[in-house]
Amino acid sequence: MPSYTITCGSRTLALGQRTLIMGVVNVTPDSFSDGGRFFSPDRAIAQAKQLVEEGADILDIGGESTRPFSDPVGEFEETDRVLPVIEGLAGQVAIPISIDTTKATVARQAVAAGATMINDVSALRSDPEMAATTARCRVPIILMHMKGTPKNMQVKPIYEDLLTDIMTFLSDAMDQAVVAGVQRSGIILDPGIGFGKTIGHNLQLIRDLDRFHGLDAPLLVGPSRKMFIRQLLKDPSEKDMDPLSVDVARGTQAAVAAAAMKGVHIVRVHDVARTRATLAVVNAITSV
């Protein structure tokens, strides 16, 4: 995989030597993946520290669910959820903290509280101030492809050409960020597994992830517990599978391994311990 260096405050991430792990902490009452288990600040902080012990390289803290058909959360409610967690972790963990938000005001306050990376699943579309805010904060940003919004993204998503459409979208978002003053070397791209994609779209994306290296930026993917995995594995009589089931965990690791074999720099997951074991083997294979 291509090599890059990302600066997150006083810390530096070397990307390209192995696939790094971003551990997810959802400070929400309605996450599809963990059902509000870490909604209180104390539980969220404890979970984040556990993920660090398990081997996370980055923590991603979010206060707004982006599951399919979810409603947005106001910025004051979102900051009330995430700031106590970031403040409780800053200076206590030795890895970068990312704020998962589409709102510039939330991002700015999170960085002031100790976050050193922004993860914008809207790729600057939701808030016209996000690009300039990122530039002023001097932090890296993850730009993710999403077709539509969480409310409507899974309503019959159609593409003229899946890979070309997504690569063009991400290239345009990257240009927008650079024009606003964001350092080109601080941009990470995410093709948005599960965000406005059918099962077939998601499988094609993972299969062809190496095509995205042509954009010359670090790549991140987040297949963890996603609907396409649950739909592939569920019994025909089931409407859905429990995202916390063992089979979904196994399916997630299969997707993680496939993505890593395609040279993805970062995987965003809920289960860091299993992912660390998976990547230990994949990284050994790819480094031979």
C-alpha atoms as a PDB file:
ATOM      1  CA  MET A   1       0.000   0.000   0.000  1.00  0.00           C
ATOM      2  CA  PRO A   2       1.212   3.576  -0.609  1.00  0.00           C
ATOM      3  CA  SER A   3       2.839   5.304   2.373  1.00  0.00           C
ATOM      4  CA  TYR A   4       1.712   8.569   3.964  1.00  0.00           C
ATOM      5  CA  THR A   5       2.346  10.508   7.156  1.00  0.00           C
ATOM      6  CA  ILE A   6      -0.535  12.191   8.970  1.00  0.00           C
ATOM      7  CA  THR A   7       0.083  14.707  11.763  1.00  0.00           C
ATOM      8  CA  CYS A   8      -2.523  14.744  14.550  1.00  0.00           C
ATOM      9  CA  GLY A   9      -1.528  17.427  17.020  1.00  0.00           C
ATOM     10  CA  SER A  10       1.670  16.258  18.705  1.00  0.00           C
ATOM     11  CA  ARG A  11       1.289  12.731  17.316  1.00  0.00           C
ATOM     12  CA  THR A  12       2.245  11.341  13.933  1.00  0.00           C
ATOM     13  CA  LEU A  13       0.586   8.412  12.192  1.00  0.00           C
ATOM     14  CA  ALA A  14       2.708   6.435   9.755  1.00  0.00           C
ATOM     15  CA  LEU A  15       0.327   4.974   7.183  1.00  0.00           C
ATOM     16  CA  GLY A  16       1.422   2.227   4.842  1.00  0.00           C
ATOM     17  CA  GLN A  17       3.505  -0.005   7.079  1.00  0.00           C
ATOM     18  CA  ARG A  18       0.436  -1.868   8.334  1.00  0.00           C
ATOM     19  CA  THR A  19      -3.320  -1.359   8.413  1.00  0.00           C
ATOM     20  CA  LEU A  20      -4.238   0.802  11.422  1.00  0.00           C
ATOM     21  CA  ILE A  21      -7.339   0.405  13.583  1.00  0.00           C
ATOM     22  CA  MET A  22      -9.806   3.182  14.370  1.00  0.00           C
ATOM     23  CA  GLY A  23     -11.938   2.183  17.358  1.00  0.00           C
ATOM     24  CA  VAL A  24     -15.543   3.423  17.379  1.00  0.00           C
ATOM     25  CA  VAL A  25     -17.259   4.901  20.439  1.00  0.00           C
ATOM     26  CA  ASN A  26     -20.901   5.838  19.828  1.00  0.00           C
ATOM     27  CA  VAL A  27     -22.165   8.285  22.453  1.00  0.00           C
ATOM     28  CA  THR A  28     -25.721   7.882  21.193  1.00  0.00           C
ATOM     29  CA  PRO A  29     -28.919   6.245  22.446  1.00  0.00           C
ATOM     30  CA  ASP A  30     -29.835   4.813  19.029  1.00  0.00           C
ATOM     31  CA  SER A  31     -26.750   3.440  17.316  1.00  0.00           C
ATOM     32  CA  PHE A  32     -27.476   0.442  15.088  1.00  0.00           C
ATOM     33  CA  SER A  33     -24.301  -1.284  16.276  1.00  0.00           C
ATOM     34  CA  ASP A  34     -24.422  -1.139  20.058  1.00  0.00           C
ATOM     35  CA  GLY A  35     -27.847   0.190  21.025  1.00  0.00           C
ATOM     36  CA  GLY A  36     -26.808   3.007  23.333  1.00  0.00           C
ATOM     37  CA  ARG A  37     -24.542   0.881  25.533  1.00  0.00           C
ATOM     38  CA  PHE A  38     -22.059   3.768  25.853  1.00  0.00           C
ATOM     39  CA  PHE A  39     -24.451   6.714  25.978  1.00  0.00           C
ATOM     40  CA  SER A  40     -23.260   7.981  29.369  1.00  0.00           C
ATOM     41  CA  PRO A  41     -19.875   9.783  29.444  1.00  0.00           C
ATOM     42  CA  ASP A  42     -18.439   7.432  32.069  1.00  0.00           C
ATOM     43  CA  ARG A  43     -19.313   4.330  30.076  1.00  0.00           C
ATOM     44  CA  ALA A  44     -18.094   5.890  26.837  1.00  0.00           C
ATOM     45  CA  ILE A  45     -14.762   6.853  28.420  1.00  0.00           C
ATOM     46  CA  ALA A  46     -14.357   3.377  29.884  1.00  0.00           C
ATOM     47  CA  GLN A  47     -15.115   1.797  26.504  1.00  0.00           C
ATOM     48  CA  ALA A  48     -12.635   4.079  24.751  1.00  0.00           C
ATOM     49  CA  LYS A  49      -9.892   3.167  27.194  1.00  0.00           C
ATOM     50  CA  GLN A  50     -10.713  -0.506  26.700  1.00  0.00           C
ATOM     51  CA  LEU A  51     -10.329  -0.093  22.939  1.00  0.00           C
ATOM     52  CA  VAL A  52      -6.935   1.521  23.476  1.00  0.00           C
ATOM     53  CA  GLU A  53      -5.853  -1.439  25.617  1.00  0.00           C
ATOM     54  CA  GLU A  54      -7.030  -3.789  22.862  1.00  0.00           C
ATOM     55  CA  GLY A  55      -4.789  -2.060  20.320  1.00  0.00           C
ATOM     56  CA  ALA A  56      -6.678   0.822  18.720  1.00  0.00           C
ATOM     57  CA  ASP A  57      -4.470   3.316  16.875  1.00  0.00           C
ATOM     58  CA  ILE A  58      -7.173   6.039  16.737  1.00  0.00           C
ATOM     59  CA  LEU A  59     -10.396   6.654  18.657  1.00  0.00           C
ATOM     60  CA  ASP A  60     -13.471   7.968  16.830  1.00  0.00           C
ATOM     61  CA  ILE A  61     -16.032   9.637  19.100  1.00  0.00           C
ATOM     62  CA  GLY A  62     -19.495  10.354  17.686  1.00  0.00           C
ATOM     63  CA  GLY A  63     -22.654  11.824  19.141  1.00  0.00           C
ATOM     64  CA  GLU A  64     -25.077  11.478  16.234  1.00  0.00           C
ATOM     65  CA  SER A  65     -26.281   8.207  14.738  1.00  0.00           C
ATOM     66  CA  THR A  66     -25.912   7.934  10.974  1.00  0.00           C
ATOM     67  CA  ARG A  67     -27.724   4.617  10.672  1.00  0.00           C
ATOM     68  CA  PRO A  68     -30.133   4.323   7.712  1.00  0.00           C
ATOM     69  CA  PHE A  69     -33.319   6.416   8.143  1.00  0.00           C
ATOM     70  CA  SER A  70     -32.004   8.170  11.271  1.00  0.00           C
ATOM     71  CA  ASP A  71     -32.941  11.760  12.124  1.00  0.00           C
ATOM     72  CA  PRO A  72     -30.308  14.477  12.683  1.00  0.00           C
ATOM     73  CA  VAL A  73     -29.340  15.734  16.144  1.00  0.00           C
ATOM     74  CA  GLY A  74     -29.000  19.422  17.056  1.00  0.00           C
ATOM     75  CA  GLU A  75     -25.509  20.801  17.598  1.00  0.00           C
ATOM     76  CA  PHE A  76     -26.078  21.611  21.277  1.00  0.00           C
ATOM     77  CA  GLU A  77     -27.249  18.088  22.031  1.00  0.00           C
ATOM     78  CA  GLU A  78     -24.368  16.652  20.052  1.00  0.00           C
ATOM     79  CA  THR A  79     -21.751  18.702  21.896  1.00  0.00           C
ATOM     80  CA  ASP A  80     -23.348  17.788  25.227  1.00  0.00           C
ATOM     81  CA  ARG A  81     -22.808  14.153  24.326  1.00  0.00           C
ATOM     82  CA  VAL A  82     -19.259  14.200  22.954  1.00  0.00           C
ATOM     83  CA  LEU A  83     -17.372  16.977  24.761  1.00  0.00           C
ATOM     84  CA  PRO A  84     -17.337  15.326  28.217  1.00  0.00           C
ATOM     85  CA  VAL A  85     -15.997  12.148  26.616  1.00  0.00           C
ATOM     86  CA  ILE A  86     -13.255  13.908  24.649  1.00  0.00           C
ATOM     87  CA  GLU A  87     -12.290  16.005  27.676  1.00  0.00           C
ATOM     88  CA  GLY A  88     -12.150  12.851  29.773  1.00  0.00           C
ATOM     89  CA  LEU A  89      -9.858  11.126  27.283  1.00  0.00           C
ATOM     90  CA  ALA A  90      -7.579  13.983  26.209  1.00  0.00           C
ATOM     91  CA  GLY A  91      -4.260  13.623  27.966  1.00  0.00           C
ATOM     92  CA  GLN A  92      -5.296  10.187  29.242  1.00  0.00           C
ATOM     93  CA  VAL A  93      -4.781   8.179  26.057  1.00  0.00           C
ATOM     94  CA  ALA A  94      -1.675   8.113  23.905  1.00  0.00           C
ATOM     95  CA  ILE A  95      -3.430   7.904  20.542  1.00  0.00           C
ATOM     96  CA  PRO A  96      -5.247  10.502  18.409  1.00  0.00           C
ATOM     97  CA  ILE A  97      -8.916  11.241  19.089  1.00  0.00           C
ATOM     98  CA  SER A  98     -11.212  11.855  16.127  1.00  0.00           C
ATOM     99  CA  ILE A  99     -14.553  13.658  16.316  1.00  0.00           C
ATOM    100  CA  ASP A 100     -17.199  12.068  14.109  1.00  0.00           C
ATOM    101  CA  THR A 101     -19.445  14.981  13.123  1.00  0.00           C
ATOM    102  CA  THR A 102     -20.845  16.844  10.139  1.00  0.00           C
ATOM    103  CA  LYS A 103     -21.137  20.150  12.026  1.00  0.00           C
ATOM    104  CA  ALA A 104     -18.351  22.744  12.026  1.00  0.00           C
ATOM    105  CA  THR A 105     -19.307  24.111  15.453  1.00  0.00           C
ATOM    106  CA  VAL A 106     -19.151  20.643  17.011  1.00  0.00           C
ATOM    107  CA  ALA A 107     -15.833  19.954  15.287  1.00  0.00           C
ATOM    108  CA  ARG A 108     -14.314  23.233  16.500  1.00  0.00           C
ATOM    109  CA  GLN A 109     -15.353  22.641  20.111  1.00  0.00           C
ATOM    110  CA  ALA A 110     -14.199  19.032  19.978  1.00  0.00           C
ATOM    111  CA  VAL A 111     -10.753  20.075  18.755  1.00  0.00           C
ATOM    112  CA  ALA A 112     -10.579  22.665  21.537  1.00  0.00           C
ATOM    113  CA  ALA A 113     -11.405  19.847  23.973  1.00  0.00           C
ATOM    114  CA  GLY A 114      -8.603  17.618  22.685  1.00  0.00           C
ATOM    115  CA  ALA A 115      -9.643  15.964  19.417  1.00  0.00           C
ATOM    116  CA  THR A 116      -6.945  16.046  16.725  1.00  0.00           C
ATOM    117  CA  MET A 117      -8.880  14.697  13.734  1.00  0.00           C
ATOM    118  CA  ILE A 118     -12.289  15.296  12.136  1.00  0.00           C
ATOM    119  CA  ASN A 119     -14.391  12.562  10.543  1.00  0.00           C
ATOM    120  CA  ASP A 120     -17.050  14.131   8.308  1.00  0.00           C
ATOM    121  CA  VAL A 121     -19.336  11.511   6.763  1.00  0.00           C
ATOM    122  CA  SER A 122     -20.901  14.200   4.584  1.00  0.00           C
ATOM    123  CA  ALA A 123     -17.544  15.175   3.011  1.00  0.00           C
ATOM    124  CA  LEU A 124     -18.158  18.895   3.695  1.00  0.00           C
ATOM    125  CA  ARG A 125     -21.687  18.913   2.196  1.00  0.00           C
ATOM    126  CA  SER A 126     -23.690  19.227   5.421  1.00  0.00           C
ATOM    127  CA  ASP A 127     -22.028  22.377   6.722  1.00  0.00           C
ATOM    128  CA  PRO A 128     -20.461  25.003   4.422  1.00  0.00           C
ATOM    129  CA  GLU A 129     -18.165  26.064   7.277  1.00  0.00           C
ATOM    130  CA  MET A 130     -16.583  22.644   7.835  1.00  0.00           C
ATOM    131  CA  ALA A 131     -13.728  23.049   5.341  1.00  0.00           C
ATOM    132  CA  ALA A 132     -12.668  26.455   6.690  1.00  0.00           C
ATOM    133  CA  THR A 133     -13.035  25.221  10.269  1.00  0.00           C
ATOM    134  CA  THR A 134     -10.784  22.241   9.547  1.00  0.00           C
ATOM    135  CA  ALA A 135      -8.212  24.555   7.988  1.00  0.00           C
ATOM    136  CA  ARG A 136      -8.246  26.876  11.018  1.00  0.00           C
ATOM    137  CA  CYS A 137      -7.994  23.961  13.443  1.00  0.00           C
ATOM    138  CA  ARG A 138      -5.041  22.515  11.482  1.00  0.00           C
ATOM    139  CA  VAL A 139      -6.163  18.923  11.908  1.00  0.00           C
ATOM    140  CA  PRO A 140      -6.585  16.055   9.420  1.00  0.00           C
ATOM    141  CA  ILE A 141     -10.043  15.323   8.047  1.00  0.00           C
ATOM    142  CA  ILE A 142     -11.710  12.169   6.789  1.00  0.00           C
ATOM    143  CA  LEU A 143     -13.968  12.792   3.797  1.00  0.00           C
ATOM    144  CA  MET A 144     -16.537  10.055   3.210  1.00  0.00           C
ATOM    145  CA  HIS A 145     -18.794   9.354   0.267  1.00  0.00           C
ATOM    146  CA  MET A 146     -22.490   9.148   1.066  1.00  0.00           C
ATOM    147  CA  LYS A 147     -25.282   9.184  -1.506  1.00  0.00           C
ATOM    148  CA  GLY A 148     -27.934  11.482  -0.028  1.00  0.00           C
ATOM    149  CA  THR A 149     -28.365  11.702   3.739  1.00  0.00           C
ATOM    150  CA  PRO A 150     -28.761   9.059   6.453  1.00  0.00           C
ATOM    151  CA  LYS A 151     -32.512   9.662   6.223  1.00  0.00           C
ATOM    152  CA  ASN A 152     -32.767   8.695   2.549  1.00  0.00           C
ATOM    153  CA  MET A 153     -29.455   7.120   1.504  1.00  0.00           C
ATOM    154  CA  GLN A 154     -30.801   3.563   1.348  1.00  0.00           C
ATOM    155  CA  VAL A 155     -33.851   4.418  -0.766  1.00  0.00           C
ATOM    156  CA  LYS A 156     -32.953   2.691  -4.047  1.00  0.00           C
ATOM    157  CA  PRO A 157     -29.378   4.012  -4.490  1.00  0.00           C
ATOM    158  CA  ILE A 158     -28.395   4.019  -8.169  1.00  0.00           C
ATOM    159  CA  TYR A 159     -25.066   4.882  -9.831  1.00  0.00           C
ATOM    160  CA  GLU A 160     -24.072   5.401 -13.445  1.00  0.00           C
ATOM    161  CA  ASP A 161     -20.702   3.824 -12.681  1.00  0.00           C
ATOM    162  CA  LEU A 162     -20.120   2.992  -9.020  1.00  0.00           C
ATOM    163  CA  LEU A 163     -16.352   3.414  -8.797  1.00  0.00           C
ATOM    164  CA  THR A 164     -16.119   6.379 -11.149  1.00  0.00           C
ATOM    165  CA  ASP A 165     -18.979   8.200  -9.428  1.00  0.00           C
ATOM    166  CA  ILE A 166     -17.495   7.735  -5.956  1.00  0.00           C
ATOM    167  CA  MET A 167     -13.949   8.577  -7.016  1.00  0.00           C
ATOM    168  CA  THR A 168     -15.159  11.761  -8.718  1.00  0.00           C
ATOM    169  CA  PHE A 169     -17.142  12.714  -5.614  1.00  0.00           C
ATOM    170  CA  LEU A 170     -14.126  12.196  -3.347  1.00  0.00           C
ATOM    171  CA  SER A 171     -11.761  14.013  -5.700  1.00  0.00           C
ATOM    172  CA  ASP A 172     -14.110  17.009  -5.786  1.00  0.00           C
ATOM    173  CA  ALA A 173     -14.444  16.996  -1.982  1.00  0.00           C
ATOM    174  CA  MET A 174     -10.669  16.900  -1.649  1.00  0.00           C
ATOM    175  CA  ASP A 175     -10.307  19.859  -4.016  1.00  0.00           C
ATOM    176  CA  GLN A 176     -12.911  21.800  -2.034  1.00  0.00           C
ATOM    177  CA  ALA A 177     -11.018  21.166   1.188  1.00  0.00           C
ATOM    178  CA  VAL A 178      -7.690  22.253  -0.290  1.00  0.00           C
ATOM    179  CA  VAL A 179      -9.180  25.455  -1.720  1.00  0.00           C
ATOM    180  CA  ALA A 180     -10.438  26.265   1.789  1.00  0.00           C
ATOM    181  CA  GLY A 181      -6.927  25.876   3.192  1.00  0.00           C
ATOM    182  CA  VAL A 182      -6.868  22.267   4.396  1.00  0.00           C
ATOM    183  CA  GLN A 183      -3.473  20.663   3.910  1.00  0.00           C
ATOM    184  CA  ARG A 184      -3.581  18.094   1.087  1.00  0.00           C
ATOM    185  CA  SER A 185      -1.399  15.827   3.229  1.00  0.00           C
ATOM    186  CA  GLY A 186      -4.032  15.858   5.977  1.00  0.00           C
ATOM    187  CA  ILE A 187      -6.916  14.402   3.953  1.00  0.00           C
ATOM    188  CA  ILE A 188      -8.080  10.794   4.337  1.00  0.00           C
ATOM    189  CA  LEU A 189     -10.700   9.334   1.987  1.00  0.00           C
ATOM    190  CA  ASP A 190     -13.486   6.876   2.805  1.00  0.00           C
ATOM    191  CA  PRO A 191     -15.629   5.352   0.011  1.00  0.00           C
ATOM    192  CA  GLY A 192     -18.515   4.996   2.469  1.00  0.00           C
ATOM    193  CA  ILE A 193     -19.314   1.306   2.817  1.00  0.00           C
ATOM    194  CA  GLY A 194     -23.014   1.055   3.664  1.00  0.00           C
ATOM    195  CA  PHE A 195     -23.850   4.706   3.007  1.00  0.00           C
ATOM    196  CA  GLY A 196     -26.187   4.782   0.019  1.00  0.00           C
ATOM    197  CA  LYS A 197     -25.112   1.409  -1.356  1.00  0.00           C
ATOM    198  CA  THR A 198     -26.782  -1.905  -2.042  1.00  0.00           C
ATOM    199  CA  ILE A 199     -25.230  -5.217  -1.002  1.00  0.00           C
ATOM    200  CA  GLY A 200     -23.775  -5.510  -4.488  1.00  0.00           C
ATOM    201  CA  HIS A 201     -22.336  -1.999  -4.348  1.00  0.00           C
ATOM    202  CA  ASN A 202     -20.612  -2.722  -1.041  1.00  0.00           C
ATOM    203  CA  LEU A 203     -19.121  -5.984  -2.268  1.00  0.00           C
ATOM    204  CA  GLN A 204     -17.846  -4.329  -5.453  1.00  0.00           C
ATOM    205  CA  LEU A 205     -16.302  -1.491  -3.454  1.00  0.00           C
ATOM    206  CA  ILE A 206     -14.392  -3.865  -1.205  1.00  0.00           C
ATOM    207  CA  ARG A 207     -13.287  -5.980  -4.147  1.00  0.00           C
ATOM    208  CA  ASP A 208     -11.977  -2.933  -6.029  1.00  0.00           C
ATOM    209  CA  LEU A 209     -10.662  -0.807  -3.169  1.00  0.00           C
ATOM    210  CA  ASP A 210      -7.183  -0.769  -4.686  1.00  0.00           C
ATOM    211  CA  ARG A 211      -8.578   1.423  -7.501  1.00  0.00           C
ATOM    212  CA  PHE A 212      -8.938   4.249  -4.980  1.00  0.00           C
ATOM    213  CA  HIS A 213      -5.170   4.467  -4.559  1.00  0.00           C
ATOM    214  CA  GLY A 214      -5.303   6.435  -7.791  1.00  0.00           C
ATOM    215  CA  LEU A 215      -6.617   9.396  -5.778  1.00  0.00           C
ATOM    216  CA  ASP A 216      -3.247   9.558  -3.964  1.00  0.00           C
ATOM    217  CA  ALA A 217      -4.599   9.822  -0.422  1.00  0.00           C
ATOM    218  CA  PRO A 218      -4.818   7.462   2.556  1.00  0.00           C
ATOM    219  CA  LEU A 219      -7.870   5.198   2.505  1.00  0.00           C
ATOM    220  CA  LEU A 220     -10.201   4.346   5.383  1.00  0.00           C
ATOM    221  CA  VAL A 221     -13.118   1.920   5.324  1.00  0.00           C
ATOM    222  CA  GLY A 222     -15.730   1.074   7.921  1.00  0.00           C
ATOM    223  CA  PRO A 223     -17.429  -2.288   7.264  1.00  0.00           C
ATOM    224  CA  SER A 224     -18.019  -3.057  10.931  1.00  0.00           C
ATOM    225  CA  ARG A 225     -21.380  -4.759  11.637  1.00  0.00           C
ATOM    226  CA  LYS A 226     -22.910  -3.153   8.551  1.00  0.00           C
ATOM    227  CA  MET A 227     -26.257  -4.183   7.092  1.00  0.00           C
ATOM    228  CA  PHE A 228     -24.754  -5.850   4.014  1.00  0.00           C
ATOM    229  CA  ILE A 229     -22.898  -8.299   6.254  1.00  0.00           C
ATOM    230  CA  ARG A 230     -26.035  -9.041   8.244  1.00  0.00           C
ATOM    231  CA  GLN A 231     -28.091  -9.484   5.075  1.00  0.00           C
ATOM    232  CA  LEU A 232     -25.551 -11.896   3.617  1.00  0.00           C
ATOM    233  CA  LEU A 233     -25.449 -14.023   6.770  1.00  0.00           C
ATOM    234  CA  LYS A 234     -29.002 -13.990   8.076  1.00  0.00           C
ATOM    235  CA  ASP A 235     -31.381 -16.906   7.833  1.00  0.00           C
ATOM    236  CA  PRO A 236     -34.021 -16.374   5.110  1.00  0.00           C
ATOM    237  CA  SER A 237     -36.697 -16.336   7.784  1.00  0.00           C
ATOM    238  CA  GLU A 238     -35.013 -13.496   9.670  1.00  0.00           C
ATOM    239  CA  LYS A 239     -35.687  -9.818   8.994  1.00  0.00           C
ATOM    240  CA  ASP A 240     -32.267  -8.824  10.365  1.00  0.00           C
ATOM    241  CA  MET A 241     -29.475 -10.186  12.547  1.00  0.00           C
ATOM    242  CA  ASP A 242     -28.310  -8.922  15.906  1.00  0.00           C
ATOM    243  CA  PRO A 243     -25.307  -6.666  15.101  1.00  0.00           C
ATOM    244  CA  LEU A 244     -23.610  -8.025  18.239  1.00  0.00           C
ATOM    245  CA  SER A 245     -23.922 -11.678  17.203  1.00  0.00           C
ATOM    246  CA  VAL A 246     -20.854 -13.863  16.758  1.00  0.00           C
ATOM    247  CA  ASP A 247     -21.646 -14.490  13.102  1.00  0.00           C
ATOM    248  CA  VAL A 248     -21.758 -10.757  12.375  1.00  0.00           C
ATOM    249  CA  ALA A 249     -18.406 -10.388  14.142  1.00  0.00           C
ATOM    250  CA  ARG A 250     -16.971 -13.102  11.898  1.00  0.00           C
ATOM    251  CA  GLY A 251     -18.435 -11.475   8.806  1.00  0.00           C
ATOM    252  CA  THR A 252     -16.938  -8.151   9.828  1.00  0.00           C
ATOM    253  CA  GLN A 253     -13.497  -9.706  10.136  1.00  0.00           C
ATOM    254  CA  ALA A 254     -13.808 -11.221   6.672  1.00  0.00           C
ATOM    255  CA  ALA A 255     -14.555  -7.748   5.285  1.00  0.00           C
ATOM    256  CA  VAL A 256     -11.679  -6.259   7.291  1.00  0.00           C
ATOM    257  CA  ALA A 257      -9.263  -8.860   5.928  1.00  0.00           C
ATOM    258  CA  ALA A 258     -10.423  -8.299   2.343  1.00  0.00           C
ATOM    259  CA  ALA A 259     -10.043  -4.517   2.705  1.00  0.00           C
ATOM    260  CA  ALA A 260      -6.594  -4.827   4.253  1.00  0.00           C
ATOM    261  CA  MET A 261      -5.461  -7.112   1.437  1.00  0.00           C
ATOM    262  CA  LYS A 262      -6.445  -4.313  -0.953  1.00  0.00           C
ATOM    263  CA  GLY A 263      -4.118  -1.885   0.808  1.00  0.00           C
ATOM    264  CA  VAL A 264      -6.523   0.101   2.978  1.00  0.00           C
ATOM    265  CA  HIS A 265      -4.622   2.228   5.498  1.00  0.00           C
ATOM    266  CA  ILE A 266      -7.222   2.368   8.287  1.00  0.00           C
ATOM    267  CA  VAL A 267     -10.215   0.222   9.220  1.00  0.00           C
ATOM    268  CA  ARG A 268     -12.923   1.699  11.423  1.00  0.00           C
ATOM    269  CA  VAL A 269     -14.372  -0.979  13.723  1.00  0.00           C
ATOM    270  CA  HIS A 270     -16.222  -1.568  16.976  1.00  0.00           C
ATOM    271  CA  ASP A 271     -14.348  -4.757  17.913  1.00  0.00           C
ATOM    272  CA  VAL A 272     -10.692  -3.814  18.169  1.00  0.00           C
ATOM    273  CA  ALA A 273      -9.431  -7.057  19.752  1.00  0.00           C
ATOM    274  CA  ARG A 274     -10.694  -9.321  16.946  1.00  0.00           C
ATOM    275  CA  THR A 275      -9.545  -6.829  14.324  1.00  0.00           C
ATOM    276  CA  ARG A 276      -6.065  -6.667  15.784  1.00  0.00           C
ATOM    277  CA  ALA A 277      -5.764 -10.461  15.482  1.00  0.00           C
ATOM    278  CA  THR A 278      -7.097 -10.427  11.924  1.00  0.00           C
ATOM    279  CA  LEU A 279      -4.716  -7.693  10.845  1.00  0.00           C
ATOM    280  CA  ALA A 280      -1.720  -9.336  12.495  1.00  0.00           C
ATOM    281  CA  VAL A 281      -2.113 -12.191  10.039  1.00  0.00           C
ATOM    282  CA  VAL A 282      -2.999 -10.039   7.016  1.00  0.00           C
ATOM    283  CA  ASN A 283      -0.143  -7.619   7.654  1.00  0.00           C
ATOM    284  CA  ALA A 284       2.259 -10.557   7.957  1.00  0.00           C
ATOM    285  CA  ILE A 285       1.051 -11.915   4.610  1.00  0.00           C
ATOM    286  CA  THR A 286       1.259  -8.573   2.792  1.00  0.00           C
ATOM    287  CA  SER A 287       4.702  -7.737   4.192  1.00  0.00           C
ATOM    288  CA  VAL A 288       6.370 -10.937   2.911  1.00  0.00           C
END
